[in-house]
């Protein structure tokens, strides 16, 4: 590995070395049978960059808009729960990084920091991940709280409905 990590595999190896095994396994795993995780990894393997030689790249603009919010590149921070297992500041540090990089953070429903803590930490555009509850009044309360704290959108997740079905 180079002195600084340059790809996802190198960052993953650093995480494996730094985190307790149980925490690393949590972050490295995918849901259920990990089918989607394997498909995503394979999809990224198929992406290649075509080098351009002697082309002026001094004025490249990678910015885009998501739901009307301009971000620096078409990359958002996906919802990842329990980030304090990896770093003491958890989602607060991630929100600050999102603000610094001018991108959107999707705060996990299973965040180890509260909606209030994340919202007060910086001015990043924040979306909230939401699992659908059997009791819709609970889902409505979660959305209303996110609205109060300036979250701009809800990202609906349905891959582990059984976890929240009985609430």
N, C-alpha and C. Protein backbone atom coordinates (compact mmCIF):
# COMPACT_ATOMS: atom_id res chain seq x y z
N UNK A 1 0.85 -1.18 0.00
CA UNK A 1 0.00 0.00 0.00
C UNK A 1 0.88 1.23 0.00
N UNK A 2 0.45 2.25 -0.75
CA UNK A 2 1.16 3.52 -0.78
C UNK A 2 1.07 4.18 0.59
N UNK A 3 1.80 5.27 0.78
CA UNK A 3 1.76 5.95 2.08
C UNK A 3 0.36 6.48 2.40
N UNK A 4 -0.41 6.82 1.40
CA UNK A 4 -1.80 7.25 1.55
C UNK A 4 -2.68 6.28 0.76
N UNK A 5 -3.81 5.88 1.31
CA UNK A 5 -4.70 4.98 0.57
C UNK A 5 -5.24 5.67 -0.68
N UNK A 6 -5.35 4.90 -1.77
CA UNK A 6 -5.81 5.49 -3.04
C UNK A 6 -7.05 4.81 -3.61
N UNK A 7 -7.51 3.74 -2.96
CA UNK A 7 -8.71 3.09 -3.47
C UNK A 7 -9.49 2.48 -2.31
N UNK A 8 -10.67 2.02 -2.63
CA UNK A 8 -11.57 1.50 -1.58
C UNK A 8 -10.94 0.31 -0.87
N UNK A 9 -10.28 -0.56 -1.60
CA UNK A 9 -9.67 -1.75 -0.96
C UNK A 9 -8.63 -1.35 0.07
N UNK A 10 -7.85 -0.31 -0.22
CA UNK A 10 -6.83 0.14 0.73
C UNK A 10 -7.46 0.79 1.96
N UNK A 11 -8.53 1.56 1.78
CA UNK A 11 -9.25 2.11 2.93
C UNK A 11 -9.86 0.98 3.76
N UNK A 12 -10.39 -0.02 3.09
CA UNK A 12 -11.00 -1.16 3.79
C UNK A 12 -9.95 -1.90 4.62
N UNK A 13 -8.77 -2.05 4.08
CA UNK A 13 -7.70 -2.72 4.82
C UNK A 13 -7.29 -1.90 6.05
N UNK A 14 -7.22 -0.59 5.91
CA UNK A 14 -6.91 0.26 7.07
C UNK A 14 -7.98 0.11 8.14
N UNK A 15 -9.25 0.06 7.73
CA UNK A 15 -10.34 -0.12 8.69
C UNK A 15 -10.23 -1.47 9.38
N UNK A 16 -9.89 -2.50 8.61
CA UNK A 16 -9.76 -3.85 9.20
C UNK A 16 -8.69 -3.86 10.28
N UNK A 17 -7.60 -3.14 10.03
CA UNK A 17 -6.51 -3.09 11.01
C UNK A 17 -6.87 -2.26 12.24
N UNK A 18 -7.66 -1.21 12.05
CA UNK A 18 -7.92 -0.25 13.13
C UNK A 18 -9.08 -0.63 14.04
N UNK A 19 -10.08 -1.32 13.51
CA UNK A 19 -11.30 -1.58 14.27
C UNK A 19 -11.28 -2.95 14.92
N UNK A 20 -11.94 -3.10 16.04
CA UNK A 20 -12.15 -4.44 16.58
C UNK A 20 -12.88 -5.30 15.53
N UNK A 21 -12.58 -6.58 15.50
CA UNK A 21 -13.14 -7.46 14.47
C UNK A 21 -14.66 -7.36 14.38
N UNK A 22 -15.35 -7.34 15.51
CA UNK A 22 -16.81 -7.30 15.49
C UNK A 22 -17.30 -6.02 14.81
N UNK A 23 -16.66 -4.89 15.05
CA UNK A 23 -17.06 -3.63 14.43
C UNK A 23 -16.75 -3.65 12.94
N UNK A 24 -15.56 -4.12 12.60
CA UNK A 24 -15.20 -4.20 11.18
C UNK A 24 -16.20 -5.08 10.43
N UNK A 25 -16.51 -6.22 10.99
CA UNK A 25 -17.46 -7.13 10.34
C UNK A 25 -18.82 -6.47 10.12
N UNK A 26 -19.27 -5.66 11.08
CA UNK A 26 -20.53 -4.95 10.95
C UNK A 26 -20.49 -4.01 9.74
N UNK A 27 -19.44 -3.20 9.63
CA UNK A 27 -19.36 -2.23 8.54
C UNK A 27 -19.09 -2.89 7.19
N UNK A 28 -18.37 -3.97 7.17
CA UNK A 28 -18.01 -4.62 5.91
C UNK A 28 -19.12 -5.50 5.35
N UNK A 29 -20.08 -5.88 6.17
CA UNK A 29 -21.12 -6.82 5.74
C UNK A 29 -22.22 -6.11 4.96
N UNK A 30 -23.00 -6.91 4.26
CA UNK A 30 -24.20 -6.44 3.58
C UNK A 30 -25.42 -7.04 4.25
N UNK A 31 -26.57 -6.60 3.84
CA UNK A 31 -27.82 -7.10 4.42
C UNK A 31 -28.08 -8.55 3.97
N UNK A 32 -28.69 -9.27 4.86
CA UNK A 32 -29.18 -10.64 4.62
C UNK A 32 -28.11 -11.52 3.96
N UNK A 33 -28.36 -11.98 2.71
CA UNK A 33 -27.42 -12.91 2.09
C UNK A 33 -26.27 -12.20 1.36
N UNK A 34 -26.20 -10.91 1.47
CA UNK A 34 -25.15 -10.07 0.89
C UNK A 34 -25.15 -10.07 -0.64
N UNK A 35 -26.26 -10.48 -1.25
CA UNK A 35 -26.37 -10.50 -2.71
C UNK A 35 -26.16 -9.10 -3.30
N UNK A 36 -26.84 -8.10 -2.74
CA UNK A 36 -26.73 -6.74 -3.27
C UNK A 36 -25.31 -6.21 -3.10
N UNK A 37 -24.68 -6.51 -1.97
CA UNK A 37 -23.29 -6.10 -1.77
C UNK A 37 -22.39 -6.66 -2.86
N UNK A 38 -22.53 -7.95 -3.14
CA UNK A 38 -21.71 -8.56 -4.20
C UNK A 38 -21.99 -7.94 -5.57
N UNK A 39 -23.27 -7.69 -5.86
CA UNK A 39 -23.64 -7.07 -7.14
C UNK A 39 -23.07 -5.66 -7.25
N UNK A 40 -23.11 -4.90 -6.17
CA UNK A 40 -22.55 -3.54 -6.19
C UNK A 40 -21.05 -3.55 -6.43
N UNK A 41 -20.35 -4.45 -5.76
CA UNK A 41 -18.90 -4.56 -5.96
C UNK A 41 -18.60 -4.92 -7.41
N UNK A 42 -19.35 -5.86 -7.96
CA UNK A 42 -19.15 -6.27 -9.35
C UNK A 42 -19.46 -5.12 -10.31
N UNK A 43 -20.50 -4.36 -10.04
CA UNK A 43 -20.85 -3.23 -10.90
C UNK A 43 -19.72 -2.20 -10.93
N UNK A 44 -19.13 -1.92 -9.77
CA UNK A 44 -18.02 -0.97 -9.74
C UNK A 44 -16.79 -1.52 -10.46
N UNK A 45 -16.60 -2.83 -10.44
CA UNK A 45 -15.47 -3.41 -11.18
C UNK A 45 -15.60 -3.19 -12.68
N UNK A 46 -16.83 -3.12 -13.16
CA UNK A 46 -17.06 -2.94 -14.60
C UNK A 46 -16.84 -1.49 -15.05
N UNK A 47 -16.77 -0.56 -14.12
CA UNK A 47 -16.57 0.85 -14.48
C UNK A 47 -15.09 1.08 -14.75
N UNK A 48 -14.80 1.63 -15.90
CA UNK A 48 -13.42 1.97 -16.22
C UNK A 48 -13.37 3.43 -16.67
N UNK A 49 -12.23 4.01 -16.48
CA UNK A 49 -12.00 5.37 -16.93
C UNK A 49 -11.16 5.33 -18.18
N UNK A 50 -11.54 6.13 -19.15
CA UNK A 50 -10.77 6.19 -20.37
C UNK A 50 -9.84 7.40 -20.29
N UNK A 51 -8.54 7.14 -20.18
CA UNK A 51 -7.60 8.26 -20.04
C UNK A 51 -7.61 9.14 -21.29
N UNK A 52 -7.56 10.42 -21.05
CA UNK A 52 -7.43 11.40 -22.14
C UNK A 52 -6.06 12.05 -21.99
N UNK A 53 -5.33 12.09 -23.06
CA UNK A 53 -3.98 12.63 -23.03
C UNK A 53 -3.96 13.95 -23.79
N UNK A 54 -3.23 14.90 -23.23
CA UNK A 54 -3.09 16.23 -23.82
C UNK A 54 -4.44 16.93 -24.00
N UNK A 55 -5.30 16.80 -23.02
CA UNK A 55 -6.60 17.45 -23.02
C UNK A 55 -6.64 18.41 -21.83
N UNK A 56 -7.14 19.61 -22.06
CA UNK A 56 -7.23 20.62 -21.00
C UNK A 56 -8.28 20.18 -19.97
N UNK A 57 -7.83 19.91 -18.75
CA UNK A 57 -8.74 19.50 -17.67
C UNK A 57 -8.80 20.56 -16.57
N UNK A 58 -8.37 21.76 -16.87
CA UNK A 58 -8.31 22.80 -15.85
C UNK A 58 -9.68 23.36 -15.48
N UNK A 59 -10.69 23.11 -16.29
CA UNK A 59 -12.02 23.68 -16.01
C UNK A 59 -13.11 22.61 -16.02
N UNK A 60 -12.84 21.48 -15.42
CA UNK A 60 -13.84 20.42 -15.34
C UNK A 60 -14.79 20.72 -14.19
N UNK A 61 -16.07 20.55 -14.45
CA UNK A 61 -17.08 20.77 -13.43
C UNK A 61 -17.83 19.46 -13.21
N UNK A 62 -17.65 18.86 -12.05
CA UNK A 62 -18.33 17.59 -11.75
C UNK A 62 -19.61 17.81 -10.94
N UNK A 63 -19.98 19.06 -10.72
CA UNK A 63 -21.16 19.33 -9.89
C UNK A 63 -22.44 18.85 -10.56
N UNK A 64 -23.44 18.61 -9.73
CA UNK A 64 -24.75 18.20 -10.20
C UNK A 64 -25.78 18.65 -9.18
N UNK A 65 -27.04 18.41 -9.47
CA UNK A 65 -28.07 18.71 -8.48
C UNK A 65 -28.86 17.45 -8.16
N UNK A 66 -29.20 17.33 -6.90
CA UNK A 66 -30.04 16.23 -6.40
C UNK A 66 -31.23 16.89 -5.71
N UNK A 67 -32.42 16.65 -6.23
CA UNK A 67 -33.64 17.23 -5.67
C UNK A 67 -33.51 18.75 -5.48
N UNK A 68 -32.81 19.38 -6.43
CA UNK A 68 -32.66 20.83 -6.39
C UNK A 68 -31.48 21.34 -5.59
N UNK A 69 -30.73 20.47 -4.94
CA UNK A 69 -29.57 20.88 -4.15
C UNK A 69 -28.30 20.63 -4.95
N UNK A 70 -27.53 21.70 -5.17
CA UNK A 70 -26.29 21.57 -5.93
C UNK A 70 -25.22 20.96 -5.04
N UNK A 71 -24.57 19.92 -5.56
CA UNK A 71 -23.46 19.29 -4.85
C UNK A 71 -22.25 19.25 -5.76
N UNK A 72 -21.08 19.08 -5.17
CA UNK A 72 -19.82 19.21 -5.91
C UNK A 72 -19.56 18.11 -6.92
N UNK A 73 -20.13 16.94 -6.69
CA UNK A 73 -19.96 15.82 -7.62
C UNK A 73 -21.11 14.85 -7.38
N UNK A 74 -21.34 13.93 -8.28
CA UNK A 74 -22.48 13.02 -8.11
C UNK A 74 -22.22 11.92 -7.09
N UNK A 75 -21.75 12.33 -5.94
CA UNK A 75 -21.45 11.39 -4.85
C UNK A 75 -22.12 11.91 -3.59
N UNK A 76 -22.91 11.05 -2.96
CA UNK A 76 -23.55 11.38 -1.68
C UNK A 76 -23.03 10.39 -0.64
N UNK A 77 -23.24 10.72 0.62
CA UNK A 77 -22.85 9.82 1.71
C UNK A 77 -24.06 8.98 2.07
N UNK A 78 -23.93 7.67 1.87
CA UNK A 78 -25.03 6.74 2.10
C UNK A 78 -25.26 6.55 3.59
N UNK A 79 -26.47 6.13 3.96
CA UNK A 79 -26.76 5.91 5.38
C UNK A 79 -25.96 4.73 5.93
N UNK A 80 -25.20 5.01 6.95
CA UNK A 80 -24.42 3.98 7.63
C UNK A 80 -24.67 4.15 9.12
N UNK A 81 -25.22 3.15 9.75
CA UNK A 81 -25.59 3.25 11.15
C UNK A 81 -24.41 3.02 12.09
N UNK A 82 -24.60 3.45 13.31
CA UNK A 82 -23.68 3.17 14.42
C UNK A 82 -22.25 3.59 14.14
N UNK A 83 -22.07 4.77 13.56
CA UNK A 83 -20.73 5.23 13.18
C UNK A 83 -19.81 5.47 14.37
N UNK A 84 -20.37 5.64 15.55
CA UNK A 84 -19.50 5.85 16.72
C UNK A 84 -18.71 4.58 17.06
N UNK A 85 -19.08 3.45 16.49
CA UNK A 85 -18.26 2.24 16.67
C UNK A 85 -16.92 2.42 15.96
N UNK A 86 -16.89 3.26 14.91
CA UNK A 86 -15.66 3.47 14.15
C UNK A 86 -14.90 4.72 14.55
N UNK A 87 -15.62 5.71 15.10
CA UNK A 87 -14.98 6.98 15.46
C UNK A 87 -15.82 7.64 16.55
N UNK A 88 -15.17 8.25 17.55
CA UNK A 88 -15.93 8.83 18.67
C UNK A 88 -16.95 9.90 18.27
N UNK A 89 -16.69 10.62 17.18
CA UNK A 89 -17.63 11.66 16.75
C UNK A 89 -18.73 11.11 15.84
N UNK A 90 -18.55 9.91 15.32
CA UNK A 90 -19.58 9.26 14.51
C UNK A 90 -20.15 10.13 13.41
N UNK A 91 -21.47 10.18 13.36
CA UNK A 91 -22.19 10.88 12.29
C UNK A 91 -21.92 12.38 12.28
N UNK A 92 -21.53 12.94 13.41
CA UNK A 92 -21.22 14.37 13.46
C UNK A 92 -20.00 14.67 12.60
N UNK A 93 -18.98 13.84 12.71
CA UNK A 93 -17.79 14.02 11.87
C UNK A 93 -18.14 13.81 10.39
N UNK A 94 -19.00 12.85 10.12
CA UNK A 94 -19.40 12.59 8.74
C UNK A 94 -20.19 13.76 8.18
N UNK A 95 -21.07 14.34 8.98
CA UNK A 95 -21.84 15.51 8.52
C UNK A 95 -20.92 16.68 8.23
N UNK A 96 -19.92 16.88 9.07
CA UNK A 96 -18.96 17.97 8.83
C UNK A 96 -18.17 17.72 7.54
N UNK A 97 -17.82 16.47 7.30
CA UNK A 97 -17.12 16.13 6.05
C UNK A 97 -18.02 16.38 4.84
N UNK A 98 -19.30 16.04 4.96
CA UNK A 98 -20.24 16.30 3.87
C UNK A 98 -20.32 17.79 3.58
N UNK A 99 -20.39 18.60 4.64
CA UNK A 99 -20.45 20.05 4.45
C UNK A 99 -19.17 20.56 3.78
N UNK A 100 -18.02 20.06 4.24
CA UNK A 100 -16.74 20.50 3.68
C UNK A 100 -16.59 20.12 2.21
N UNK A 101 -17.19 19.00 1.83
CA UNK A 101 -17.10 18.52 0.45
C UNK A 101 -18.29 18.95 -0.40
N UNK A 102 -19.19 19.73 0.20
CA UNK A 102 -20.39 20.20 -0.49
C UNK A 102 -21.17 19.04 -1.12
N UNK A 103 -21.49 18.08 -0.27
CA UNK A 103 -22.33 16.97 -0.73
C UNK A 103 -23.43 16.71 0.29
N UNK A 104 -24.26 15.74 -0.01
CA UNK A 104 -25.41 15.41 0.81
C UNK A 104 -25.10 14.19 1.66
N UNK A 105 -25.49 14.26 2.92
CA UNK A 105 -25.37 13.11 3.82
C UNK A 105 -26.76 12.54 4.06
N UNK A 106 -26.89 11.24 3.89
CA UNK A 106 -28.12 10.56 4.27
C UNK A 106 -27.87 9.96 5.65
N UNK A 107 -28.52 10.51 6.66
CA UNK A 107 -28.32 10.07 8.04
C UNK A 107 -29.11 8.78 8.25
N UNK A 108 -28.44 7.79 8.77
CA UNK A 108 -29.05 6.49 9.00
C UNK A 108 -30.10 6.54 10.10
N UNK A 109 -31.15 5.79 9.91
CA UNK A 109 -32.15 5.62 10.96
C UNK A 109 -31.50 5.01 12.20
N UNK A 110 -30.44 4.24 12.00
CA UNK A 110 -29.74 3.59 13.10
C UNK A 110 -28.48 4.37 13.51
N UNK A 111 -28.51 5.67 13.33
CA UNK A 111 -27.36 6.51 13.68
C UNK A 111 -27.09 6.44 15.18
N UNK A 112 -25.82 6.56 15.53
CA UNK A 112 -25.44 6.60 16.95
C UNK A 112 -25.45 8.03 17.49
N UNK A 113 -25.64 9.01 16.62
CA UNK A 113 -25.84 10.40 17.02
C UNK A 113 -27.29 10.74 16.76
N UNK A 114 -27.83 11.66 17.53
CA UNK A 114 -29.23 12.03 17.36
C UNK A 114 -29.40 12.97 16.17
N UNK A 115 -30.62 13.06 15.69
CA UNK A 115 -30.96 14.00 14.62
C UNK A 115 -30.55 15.41 15.03
N UNK A 116 -30.82 15.77 16.28
CA UNK A 116 -30.48 17.10 16.78
C UNK A 116 -28.97 17.34 16.74
N UNK A 117 -28.19 16.36 17.17
CA UNK A 117 -26.73 16.51 17.19
C UNK A 117 -26.19 16.69 15.77
N UNK A 118 -26.66 15.88 14.86
CA UNK A 118 -26.18 15.99 13.47
C UNK A 118 -26.58 17.34 12.88
N UNK A 119 -27.82 17.73 13.09
CA UNK A 119 -28.31 18.99 12.53
C UNK A 119 -27.54 20.20 13.07
N UNK A 120 -27.19 20.17 14.34
CA UNK A 120 -26.50 21.33 14.93
C UNK A 120 -25.00 21.34 14.66
N UNK A 121 -24.47 20.28 14.07
CA UNK A 121 -23.02 20.18 13.89
C UNK A 121 -22.48 20.97 12.70
N UNK A 122 -23.33 21.24 11.70
CA UNK A 122 -22.85 21.90 10.49
C UNK A 122 -24.04 22.26 9.60
N UNK A 123 -23.73 22.83 8.45
CA UNK A 123 -24.79 23.24 7.53
C UNK A 123 -24.90 22.32 6.31
N UNK A 124 -24.46 21.09 6.43
CA UNK A 124 -24.57 20.15 5.31
C UNK A 124 -26.04 19.92 4.97
N UNK A 125 -26.31 19.68 3.69
CA UNK A 125 -27.65 19.25 3.30
C UNK A 125 -27.80 17.82 3.79
N UNK A 126 -28.87 17.57 4.55
CA UNK A 126 -29.08 16.26 5.16
C UNK A 126 -30.41 15.66 4.71
N UNK A 127 -30.36 14.39 4.35
CA UNK A 127 -31.56 13.60 4.12
C UNK A 127 -31.62 12.59 5.26
N UNK A 128 -32.79 12.06 5.55
CA UNK A 128 -32.94 11.08 6.62
C UNK A 128 -33.43 9.76 6.05
N UNK A 129 -32.74 8.70 6.38
CA UNK A 129 -33.18 7.36 6.02
C UNK A 129 -34.37 6.98 6.90
N UNK A 130 -35.37 6.39 6.31
CA UNK A 130 -36.55 6.00 7.07
C UNK A 130 -36.97 4.58 6.69
N UNK A 131 -37.18 3.78 7.71
CA UNK A 131 -37.81 2.48 7.53
C UNK A 131 -39.30 2.67 7.78
N UNK A 132 -40.11 1.97 7.05
CA UNK A 132 -41.55 2.09 7.22
C UNK A 132 -41.97 1.25 8.42
N UNK A 133 -42.67 1.88 9.33
CA UNK A 133 -43.18 1.19 10.50
C UNK A 133 -44.60 0.70 10.23
N UNK A 134 -44.95 -0.39 10.86
CA UNK A 134 -46.32 -0.87 10.77
C UNK A 134 -47.27 0.21 11.29
N UNK A 135 -46.88 0.85 12.38
CA UNK A 135 -47.65 1.97 12.92
C UNK A 135 -47.18 3.24 12.21
N UNK A 136 -47.98 3.71 11.29
CA UNK A 136 -47.60 4.86 10.48
C UNK A 136 -47.43 6.14 11.31
N UNK A 137 -48.08 6.22 12.47
CA UNK A 137 -47.92 7.41 13.31
C UNK A 137 -46.47 7.56 13.77
N UNK A 138 -45.79 6.44 13.98
CA UNK A 138 -44.37 6.52 14.37
C UNK A 138 -43.54 7.06 13.21
N UNK A 139 -43.78 6.54 12.00
CA UNK A 139 -43.07 7.07 10.82
C UNK A 139 -43.32 8.56 10.67
N UNK A 140 -44.57 8.99 10.86
CA UNK A 140 -44.91 10.40 10.73
C UNK A 140 -44.15 11.24 11.76
N UNK A 141 -44.03 10.75 12.99
CA UNK A 141 -43.30 11.48 14.03
C UNK A 141 -41.82 11.63 13.66
N UNK A 142 -41.23 10.57 13.12
CA UNK A 142 -39.82 10.62 12.73
C UNK A 142 -39.62 11.66 11.62
N UNK A 143 -40.51 11.66 10.63
CA UNK A 143 -40.41 12.62 9.53
C UNK A 143 -40.60 14.05 10.03
N UNK A 144 -41.57 14.26 10.89
CA UNK A 144 -41.83 15.60 11.43
C UNK A 144 -40.63 16.13 12.22
N UNK A 145 -40.00 15.25 12.98
CA UNK A 145 -38.81 15.66 13.74
C UNK A 145 -37.68 16.04 12.79
N UNK A 146 -37.47 15.23 11.76
CA UNK A 146 -36.42 15.54 10.77
C UNK A 146 -36.70 16.88 10.10
N UNK A 147 -37.95 17.12 9.77
CA UNK A 147 -38.33 18.41 9.18
C UNK A 147 -37.99 19.57 10.11
N UNK A 148 -38.32 19.42 11.38
CA UNK A 148 -38.03 20.48 12.36
C UNK A 148 -36.55 20.81 12.42
N UNK A 149 -35.71 19.82 12.20
CA UNK A 149 -34.26 20.02 12.29
C UNK A 149 -33.60 20.25 10.93
N UNK A 150 -34.39 20.58 9.93
CA UNK A 150 -33.84 21.02 8.65
C UNK A 150 -33.45 19.93 7.67
N UNK A 151 -33.87 18.71 7.91
CA UNK A 151 -33.59 17.66 6.93
C UNK A 151 -34.44 17.94 5.70
N UNK A 152 -33.88 17.72 4.52
CA UNK A 152 -34.50 18.15 3.28
C UNK A 152 -35.28 17.07 2.55
N UNK A 153 -35.03 15.81 2.86
CA UNK A 153 -35.72 14.72 2.16
C UNK A 153 -35.67 13.47 3.02
N UNK A 154 -36.52 12.53 2.66
CA UNK A 154 -36.56 11.23 3.30
C UNK A 154 -36.13 10.19 2.27
N UNK A 155 -35.24 9.30 2.68
CA UNK A 155 -34.80 8.20 1.83
C UNK A 155 -35.43 6.94 2.41
N UNK A 156 -36.38 6.40 1.70
CA UNK A 156 -37.13 5.25 2.18
C UNK A 156 -36.36 3.97 1.96
N UNK A 157 -36.20 3.18 3.01
CA UNK A 157 -35.49 1.91 2.94
C UNK A 157 -36.46 0.79 3.29
N UNK A 158 -36.46 -0.25 2.47
CA UNK A 158 -37.41 -1.34 2.70
C UNK A 158 -36.72 -2.71 2.75
N UNK A 159 -35.40 -2.74 2.85
CA UNK A 159 -34.69 -4.02 2.78
C UNK A 159 -34.74 -4.83 4.06
N UNK A 160 -35.05 -4.23 5.19
CA UNK A 160 -35.12 -4.99 6.44
C UNK A 160 -36.41 -4.68 7.18
N UNK A 161 -37.48 -4.71 6.45
CA UNK A 161 -38.78 -4.35 7.01
C UNK A 161 -39.11 -5.18 8.24
N UNK A 162 -38.68 -6.42 8.28
CA UNK A 162 -38.98 -7.27 9.42
C UNK A 162 -38.44 -6.75 10.73
N UNK A 163 -37.37 -5.96 10.70
CA UNK A 163 -36.78 -5.44 11.93
C UNK A 163 -37.69 -4.43 12.62
N UNK A 164 -38.48 -3.70 11.86
CA UNK A 164 -39.31 -2.67 12.46
C UNK A 164 -40.79 -2.96 12.32
N UNK A 165 -41.13 -4.11 11.81
CA UNK A 165 -42.52 -4.45 11.52
C UNK A 165 -43.40 -4.43 12.76
N UNK A 166 -42.86 -4.83 13.89
CA UNK A 166 -43.68 -4.94 15.09
C UNK A 166 -43.78 -3.67 15.91
N UNK A 167 -43.11 -2.62 15.53
CA UNK A 167 -43.13 -1.38 16.34
C UNK A 167 -44.40 -0.59 16.12
